[in-house]
Amino acid sequence: MIITIANQKGGVGKTTIAYHLVHYFALKGRKILAVDMDPQANLTQTFTNKVNESSLVTLLYQRKRPIPQKISDNIDLLCNDITTAIYERRINPLDYEKLKNYLNSVASLYNAIIIDTPPNLGLFCISALLSADYVVIPIDASIYSLRGLGDLLATIDEVRENNEKLRIAGIILNQLNVRTIVGQEVEKEIRKRFSKLYLGFVKQSVRARETAFMRRPNVKLYEEVFKELEVRIFGEKERLD
């Protein structure tokens, strides 16, 4: 099962959600491969400050095969760094298939693969969508997120022409300040417009970013939306309590 976390807007918490989702599944005994497709390497840095060069995503674009770095018994990581950015600027249609081909070759080793993506709709995000079974869309409580959401959904529809299995697992309203009028109105609008896709919201909390920064995940902050996500992806019978 391959799950991509995507939104072309920055600052919506993609990496924090990816990091905690990896741990949420791993704590339940699932074997997880985390994939950092963002040259900013925030997910990589959240997991480790010691990167094995053999685990870099960059190798895919050099006709080499990366070896995932072991983070824990249930978590492996494909790392990234800024050198990957040069491949987004070159025009090579074959590059869009490299991630998918690699992940298909290792998918049987894992219960789930979770991909973090950059804040744009370039090579790395599109490659992640082409590889995925599901996409999870984090957004924040702003009018800009609502406007950008339409563009992302249109892109997902286009990607489906080349990846028919891709489905939207849901939308997570992240770091919502429930006390503000803006937050309340945005939440109401999302619930109204995307009722079937809406997984729920995560309350605004400094702890979420602090726990990721200190490499101490606190999955309880996301537990309710992750439970719903787990049911949508694995089904009620396979949800692990």
Protein backbone atom coordinates (compact mmCIF):
# COMPACT_ATOMS: atom_id res chain seq x y z
CA MET A 1 0.00 0.00 0.00
CA ILE A 2 1.55 3.27 -1.12
CA ILE A 3 0.30 6.51 0.45
CA THR A 4 1.38 9.95 -0.77
CA ILE A 5 1.01 13.04 1.40
CA ALA A 6 0.54 15.95 -1.00
CA ASN A 7 -0.37 19.61 -1.24
CA GLN A 8 1.37 22.19 -3.43
CA LYS A 9 0.92 24.78 -0.68
CA GLY A 10 3.72 24.99 1.84
CA GLY A 11 3.28 25.22 5.59
CA VAL A 12 0.27 22.89 5.86
CA GLY A 13 2.12 20.23 7.86
CA LYS A 14 2.77 17.55 5.23
CA THR A 15 6.03 16.43 6.81
CA THR A 16 4.69 16.43 10.37
CA ILE A 17 1.69 14.35 9.29
CA ALA A 18 3.88 11.96 7.29
CA TYR A 19 6.25 11.56 10.25
CA HIS A 20 3.46 10.82 12.71
CA LEU A 21 1.58 8.54 10.30
CA VAL A 22 4.72 6.44 9.84
CA HIS A 23 4.99 6.05 13.61
CA TYR A 24 1.26 5.45 14.03
CA PHE A 25 1.41 2.43 11.73
CA ALA A 26 4.81 1.25 13.01
CA LEU A 27 3.63 1.26 16.63
CA LYS A 28 0.87 -1.13 15.56
CA GLY A 29 3.44 -3.58 14.23
CA ARG A 30 3.30 -2.66 10.56
CA LYS A 31 6.52 -2.57 8.59
CA ILE A 32 6.79 0.90 7.01
CA LEU A 33 8.99 2.50 4.37
CA ALA A 34 9.09 6.30 4.64
CA VAL A 35 10.12 8.09 1.45
CA ASP A 36 11.34 11.69 1.44
CA MET A 37 10.72 13.18 -2.02
CA ASP A 38 11.37 16.78 -0.98
CA PRO A 39 14.90 18.10 -1.68
CA GLN A 40 14.52 20.25 1.45
CA ALA A 41 14.84 16.90 3.25
CA ASN A 42 12.68 17.86 6.22
CA LEU A 43 11.38 14.32 6.71
CA THR A 44 14.91 12.93 6.54
CA GLN A 45 16.13 15.43 9.14
CA THR A 46 13.14 14.67 11.36
CA PHE A 47 14.10 11.00 11.45
CA THR A 48 17.89 11.24 11.58
CA ASN A 49 20.92 13.50 11.38
CA LYS A 50 23.10 10.67 10.10
CA VAL A 51 22.24 9.85 6.50
CA ASN A 52 23.64 6.85 4.66
CA GLU A 53 24.55 7.98 1.15
CA SER A 54 23.38 4.62 -0.16
CA SER A 55 19.83 5.50 0.98
CA LEU A 56 19.47 8.72 -1.02
CA VAL A 57 16.56 9.11 -3.45
CA THR A 58 19.03 10.91 -5.74
CA LEU A 59 20.42 7.52 -6.75
CA LEU A 60 17.19 6.71 -8.61
CA TYR A 61 18.01 9.47 -11.10
CA GLN A 62 21.57 8.23 -11.49
CA ARG A 63 20.48 4.78 -12.66
CA LYS A 64 21.40 3.31 -9.28
CA ARG A 65 19.37 1.51 -6.64
CA PRO A 66 19.10 3.09 -3.17
CA ILE A 67 19.09 0.92 -0.06
CA PRO A 68 16.61 2.13 2.59
CA GLN A 69 18.17 3.24 5.85
CA LYS A 70 16.99 1.37 8.94
CA ILE A 71 15.49 3.74 11.51
CA SER A 72 13.90 1.17 13.82
CA ASP A 73 12.62 -2.40 13.69
CA ASN A 74 9.49 -1.33 11.81
CA ILE A 75 10.69 1.80 9.98
CA ASP A 76 13.01 2.16 6.98
CA LEU A 77 13.73 5.47 5.26
CA LEU A 78 14.64 6.59 1.76
CA CYS A 79 16.50 9.80 2.47
CA ASN A 80 16.86 13.01 0.48
CA ASP A 81 19.09 16.06 0.26
CA ILE A 82 19.33 19.26 -1.76
CA THR A 83 21.32 17.62 -4.58
CA THR A 84 18.11 15.99 -5.82
CA ALA A 85 16.76 19.41 -6.83
CA ILE A 86 18.79 19.46 -10.07
CA TYR A 87 16.73 16.59 -11.46
CA GLU A 88 13.52 18.60 -11.21
CA ARG A 89 14.97 21.14 -13.63
CA ARG A 90 15.96 18.70 -16.33
CA ILE A 91 13.38 17.46 -18.82
CA ASN A 92 13.35 13.68 -19.01
CA PRO A 93 9.94 11.94 -19.23
CA LEU A 94 11.49 8.69 -17.98
CA ASP A 95 12.22 10.32 -14.62
CA TYR A 96 8.50 10.24 -13.79
CA GLU A 97 8.53 6.42 -13.77
CA LYS A 98 11.66 5.84 -11.70
CA LEU A 99 10.12 6.17 -8.26
CA LYS A 100 7.13 4.01 -9.19
CA ASN A 101 9.30 1.26 -10.66
CA TYR A 102 11.53 1.22 -7.59
CA LEU A 103 8.67 1.18 -5.08
CA ASN A 104 6.87 -1.58 -6.96
CA SER A 105 10.03 -3.68 -6.62
CA VAL A 106 10.16 -3.31 -2.81
CA ALA A 107 6.45 -3.01 -1.96
CA SER A 108 6.18 -6.66 -0.90
CA LEU A 109 8.65 -6.00 1.93
CA TYR A 110 6.37 -3.48 3.63
CA ASN A 111 2.82 -3.17 4.91
CA ALA A 112 2.76 0.44 3.79
CA ILE A 113 4.95 3.01 2.04
CA ILE A 114 4.43 6.65 3.00
CA ILE A 115 5.76 9.41 0.74
CA ASP A 116 6.36 13.01 1.78
CA THR A 117 6.36 15.50 -1.10
CA PRO A 118 7.58 19.06 -1.79
CA PRO A 119 5.24 22.09 -1.88
CA ASN A 120 4.81 22.17 -5.65
CA LEU A 121 3.38 20.05 -8.47
CA GLY A 122 6.69 19.29 -10.13
CA LEU A 123 8.55 16.06 -10.91
CA PHE A 124 8.80 14.73 -7.36
CA CYS A 125 5.18 15.31 -6.36
CA ILE A 126 3.80 13.97 -9.65
CA SER A 127 6.11 10.94 -9.40
CA ALA A 128 4.77 10.27 -5.91
CA LEU A 129 1.16 10.50 -7.15
CA LEU A 130 1.94 8.20 -10.06
CA SER A 131 3.32 5.68 -7.57
CA ALA A 132 0.52 5.85 -5.03
CA ASP A 133 -2.59 3.85 -4.23
CA TYR A 134 -3.87 6.67 -2.03
CA VAL A 135 -3.24 10.38 -1.53
CA VAL A 136 -3.78 12.20 1.76
CA ILE A 137 -4.24 15.97 1.50
CA PRO A 138 -3.34 18.14 4.51
CA ILE A 139 -4.60 21.71 4.43
CA ASP A 140 -4.57 24.62 6.84
CA ALA A 141 -7.43 26.88 7.87
CA SER A 142 -7.00 29.60 5.26
CA ILE A 143 -8.83 30.77 2.16
CA TYR A 144 -5.64 30.14 0.19
CA SER A 145 -5.78 26.45 1.03
CA LEU A 146 -9.36 26.20 -0.21
CA ARG A 147 -8.40 27.87 -3.50
CA GLY A 148 -5.32 25.70 -3.96
CA LEU A 149 -7.26 22.55 -3.15
CA GLY A 150 -9.15 22.84 -6.44
CA ASP A 151 -5.89 22.93 -8.38
CA LEU A 152 -4.57 19.88 -6.54
CA LEU A 153 -7.76 17.89 -7.14
CA ALA A 154 -7.56 18.75 -10.85
CA THR A 155 -3.96 17.54 -10.93
CA ILE A 156 -4.95 14.29 -9.21
CA ASP A 157 -7.62 13.75 -11.89
CA GLU A 158 -4.97 14.23 -14.59
CA VAL A 159 -2.60 11.81 -12.87
CA ARG A 160 -5.36 9.19 -12.79
CA GLU A 161 -5.09 8.98 -16.57
CA ASN A 162 -1.76 7.24 -15.97
CA ASN A 163 -2.50 5.76 -12.54
CA GLU A 164 -6.04 4.45 -12.46
CA LYS A 165 -5.68 2.97 -8.99
CA LEU A 166 -5.02 6.35 -7.33
CA ARG A 167 -7.72 7.30 -4.83
CA ILE A 168 -8.08 10.19 -2.41
CA ALA A 169 -7.97 8.74 1.10
CA GLY A 170 -9.05 12.02 2.60
CA ILE A 171 -8.43 15.63 3.56
CA ILE A 172 -6.97 16.55 6.96
CA LEU A 173 -7.51 20.06 8.27
CA ASN A 174 -4.27 20.50 10.16
CA GLN A 175 -3.41 22.78 13.09
CA LEU A 176 -6.90 24.25 13.34
CA ASN A 177 -7.47 27.01 15.87
CA VAL A 178 -11.05 26.20 16.80
CA ARG A 179 -11.41 29.46 18.74
CA THR A 180 -11.11 31.75 15.72
CA ILE A 181 -13.97 32.70 13.42
CA VAL A 182 -11.79 32.03 10.37
CA GLY A 183 -10.97 28.55 11.61
CA GLN A 184 -14.59 27.75 12.32
CA GLU A 185 -15.75 29.03 8.92
CA VAL A 186 -13.06 27.16 6.97
CA GLU A 187 -13.84 23.94 8.83
CA LYS A 188 -17.54 24.38 8.11
CA GLU A 189 -16.85 25.03 4.40
CA ILE A 190 -14.61 21.97 4.04
CA ARG A 191 -17.13 19.78 5.81
CA LYS A 192 -19.83 21.10 3.45
CA ARG A 193 -17.91 20.93 0.16
CA PHE A 194 -15.85 17.79 0.79
CA SER A 195 -17.98 15.80 3.22
CA LYS A 196 -17.02 12.41 1.75
CA LEU A 197 -13.31 13.22 1.67
CA TYR A 198 -13.00 15.03 5.00
CA LEU A 199 -11.16 12.97 7.62
CA GLY A 200 -11.43 15.60 10.35
CA PHE A 201 -9.20 18.20 11.92
CA VAL A 202 -6.15 18.32 14.15
CA LYS A 203 -6.22 21.09 16.74
CA GLN A 204 -3.50 23.70 16.69
CA SER A 205 -0.71 22.57 18.98
CA VAL A 206 2.89 23.59 19.47
CA ARG A 207 3.54 20.05 20.69
CA ALA A 208 3.08 18.60 17.21
CA ARG A 209 6.03 20.51 15.77
CA GLU A 210 8.07 20.20 18.94
CA THR A 211 7.73 16.42 19.06
CA ALA A 212 8.86 16.11 15.44
CA PHE A 213 11.75 18.52 16.03
CA MET A 214 12.89 16.50 19.06
CA ARG A 215 12.27 13.19 17.24
CA ARG A 216 9.71 12.22 19.87
CA PRO A 217 6.46 11.52 17.98
CA ASN A 218 3.17 12.05 19.78
CA VAL A 219 0.69 10.10 17.68
CA LYS A 220 -2.14 10.85 20.12
CA LEU A 221 -2.37 14.33 18.60
CA TYR A 222 -3.42 12.72 15.30
CA GLU A 223 -5.04 9.55 16.56
CA GLU A 224 -8.65 10.34 15.65
CA VAL A 225 -7.99 11.29 12.02
CA PHE A 226 -5.47 8.46 11.63
CA LYS A 227 -8.03 5.91 12.85
CA GLU A 228 -10.46 7.06 10.17
CA LEU A 229 -7.68 7.05 7.58
CA GLU A 230 -6.67 3.53 8.59
CA VAL A 231 -10.22 2.26 8.06
CA ARG A 232 -10.44 3.88 4.62
CA ILE A 233 -7.14 2.39 3.51
CA PHE A 234 -6.99 -1.01 5.17
CA GLY A 235 -10.67 -1.58 5.95
CA GLU A 236 -12.40 -2.06 9.30
CA LYS A 237 -11.35 -5.71 9.61
CA GLU A 238 -7.67 -4.92 9.19
CA ARG A 239 -7.56 -1.91 11.49
CA LEU A 240 -5.21 -2.65 14.35
CA ASP A 241 -6.18 -1.40 17.84
